Amino acid sequence: MSGLALAMFVGLFAWGQQIVGYDDPQGKVQLALLATFSFGLLIGYRANH
């Protein structure tokens, strides 16, 4: 499951503008994706330990 999440994150982060078609000239959507993924990793790690 974490492999799927990582693949989806990389795909959206790298090619999200072409796949989804959002307009992000300042990079705020990429920043939000990075923050969401980081928080998910942190919460998932803390839940397992």
N, C-alpha and C. Protein backbone atom coordinates (compact mmCIF):
# COMPACT_ATOMS: atom_id res chain seq x y z
N MET A 1 0.82 -1.19 0.00
CA MET A 1 0.00 0.00 0.00
C MET A 1 0.87 1.25 0.00
N SER A 2 1.96 1.21 0.75
CA SER A 2 2.83 2.39 0.76
C SER A 2 3.52 2.58 -0.59
N GLY A 3 3.79 1.49 -1.29
CA GLY A 3 4.37 1.61 -2.63
C GLY A 3 3.42 2.29 -3.60
N LEU A 4 2.15 1.96 -3.49
CA LEU A 4 1.13 2.61 -4.32
C LEU A 4 1.03 4.10 -3.99
N ALA A 5 1.04 4.42 -2.71
CA ALA A 5 0.98 5.82 -2.30
C ALA A 5 2.20 6.58 -2.79
N LEU A 6 3.38 5.97 -2.72
CA LEU A 6 4.58 6.63 -3.19
C LEU A 6 4.54 6.85 -4.70
N ALA A 7 4.06 5.85 -5.44
CA ALA A 7 3.95 5.98 -6.89
C ALA A 7 2.95 7.08 -7.27
N MET A 8 1.84 7.14 -6.57
CA MET A 8 0.85 8.19 -6.86
C MET A 8 1.40 9.57 -6.55
N PHE A 9 2.14 9.69 -5.44
CA PHE A 9 2.73 10.97 -5.08
C PHE A 9 3.73 11.42 -6.13
N VAL A 10 4.62 10.53 -6.52
CA VAL A 10 5.64 10.89 -7.52
C VAL A 10 4.97 11.26 -8.84
N GLY A 11 3.97 10.49 -9.24
CA GLY A 11 3.26 10.80 -10.48
C GLY A 11 2.58 12.15 -10.46
N LEU A 12 1.88 12.44 -9.37
CA LEU A 12 1.19 13.73 -9.27
C LEU A 12 2.16 14.89 -9.11
N PHE A 13 3.23 14.66 -8.35
CA PHE A 13 4.20 15.73 -8.12
C PHE A 13 4.95 16.07 -9.41
N ALA A 14 5.35 15.04 -10.15
CA ALA A 14 6.15 15.27 -11.35
C ALA A 14 5.32 15.63 -12.57
N TRP A 15 4.20 14.93 -12.76
CA TRP A 15 3.42 15.10 -14.00
C TRP A 15 1.97 15.49 -13.73
N GLY A 16 1.69 16.05 -12.58
CA GLY A 16 0.31 16.39 -12.22
C GLY A 16 -0.33 17.41 -13.13
N GLN A 17 0.44 18.38 -13.58
CA GLN A 17 -0.14 19.40 -14.46
C GLN A 17 -0.61 18.79 -15.77
N GLN A 18 0.13 17.82 -16.31
CA GLN A 18 -0.27 17.19 -17.55
C GLN A 18 -1.41 16.19 -17.33
N ILE A 19 -1.37 15.46 -16.22
CA ILE A 19 -2.37 14.41 -15.95
C ILE A 19 -3.72 15.03 -15.55
N VAL A 20 -3.69 15.89 -14.54
CA VAL A 20 -4.92 16.45 -13.99
C VAL A 20 -5.31 17.74 -14.70
N GLY A 21 -4.32 18.52 -15.12
CA GLY A 21 -4.59 19.75 -15.85
C GLY A 21 -4.75 20.98 -14.98
N TYR A 22 -4.21 20.96 -13.77
CA TYR A 22 -4.31 22.15 -12.93
C TYR A 22 -3.27 23.19 -13.37
N ASP A 23 -3.54 24.44 -13.04
CA ASP A 23 -2.64 25.55 -13.36
C ASP A 23 -1.95 25.97 -12.07
N ASP A 24 -0.61 25.84 -12.03
CA ASP A 24 0.14 26.07 -10.80
C ASP A 24 1.45 26.80 -11.09
N PRO A 25 1.38 28.09 -11.48
CA PRO A 25 2.62 28.78 -11.83
C PRO A 25 3.53 29.04 -10.63
N GLN A 26 3.00 29.20 -9.43
CA GLN A 26 3.84 29.46 -8.26
C GLN A 26 4.26 28.19 -7.52
N GLY A 27 3.73 27.03 -7.90
CA GLY A 27 4.12 25.79 -7.26
C GLY A 27 3.39 25.50 -5.95
N LYS A 28 2.27 26.15 -5.71
CA LYS A 28 1.56 25.95 -4.45
C LYS A 28 0.88 24.59 -4.38
N VAL A 29 0.43 24.07 -5.51
CA VAL A 29 -0.19 22.75 -5.50
C VAL A 29 0.87 21.69 -5.20
N GLN A 30 2.07 21.84 -5.77
CA GLN A 30 3.14 20.90 -5.47
C GLN A 30 3.55 20.99 -4.01
N LEU A 31 3.57 22.17 -3.44
CA LEU A 31 3.88 22.33 -2.02
C LEU A 31 2.82 21.64 -1.16
N ALA A 32 1.55 21.77 -1.53
CA ALA A 32 0.48 21.11 -0.79
C ALA A 32 0.59 19.59 -0.91
N LEU A 33 0.93 19.08 -2.10
CA LEU A 33 1.14 17.64 -2.27
C LEU A 33 2.28 17.15 -1.39
N LEU A 34 3.37 17.88 -1.36
CA LEU A 34 4.53 17.50 -0.55
C LEU A 34 4.18 17.51 0.93
N ALA A 35 3.47 18.54 1.38
CA ALA A 35 3.08 18.63 2.79
C ALA A 35 2.13 17.50 3.16
N THR A 36 1.17 17.20 2.32
CA THR A 36 0.22 16.13 2.60
C THR A 36 0.92 14.78 2.67
N PHE A 37 1.82 14.53 1.73
CA PHE A 37 2.56 13.27 1.74
C PHE A 37 3.44 13.17 2.98
N SER A 38 4.11 14.25 3.35
CA SER A 38 4.98 14.25 4.53
C SER A 38 4.18 14.00 5.81
N PHE A 39 3.06 14.67 5.94
CA PHE A 39 2.22 14.46 7.12
C PHE A 39 1.68 13.03 7.17
N GLY A 40 1.33 12.48 6.01
CA GLY A 40 0.87 11.10 5.96
C GLY A 40 1.94 10.12 6.38
N LEU A 41 3.18 10.36 5.95
CA LEU A 41 4.29 9.51 6.38
C LEU A 41 4.49 9.60 7.89
N LEU A 42 4.45 10.81 8.41
CA LEU A 42 4.65 11.00 9.85
C LEU A 42 3.55 10.32 10.66
N ILE A 43 2.31 10.51 10.28
CA ILE A 43 1.20 9.90 11.01
C ILE A 43 1.25 8.38 10.88
N GLY A 44 1.54 7.88 9.70
CA GLY A 44 1.64 6.43 9.51
C GLY A 44 2.76 5.82 10.31
N TYR A 45 3.88 6.50 10.38
CA TYR A 45 5.02 6.00 11.17
C TYR A 45 4.69 5.99 12.66
N ARG A 46 4.07 7.07 13.13
CA ARG A 46 3.73 7.16 14.55
C ARG A 46 2.64 6.15 14.93
N ALA A 47 1.75 5.83 14.01
CA ALA A 47 0.68 4.87 14.31
C ALA A 47 1.22 3.46 14.44
N ASN A 48 2.30 3.15 13.72
CA ASN A 48 2.88 1.82 13.78
C ASN A 48 3.83 1.63 14.97
N HIS A 49 4.31 2.71 15.56
CA HIS A 49 5.26 2.58 16.66
C HIS A 49 4.73 3.12 17.92
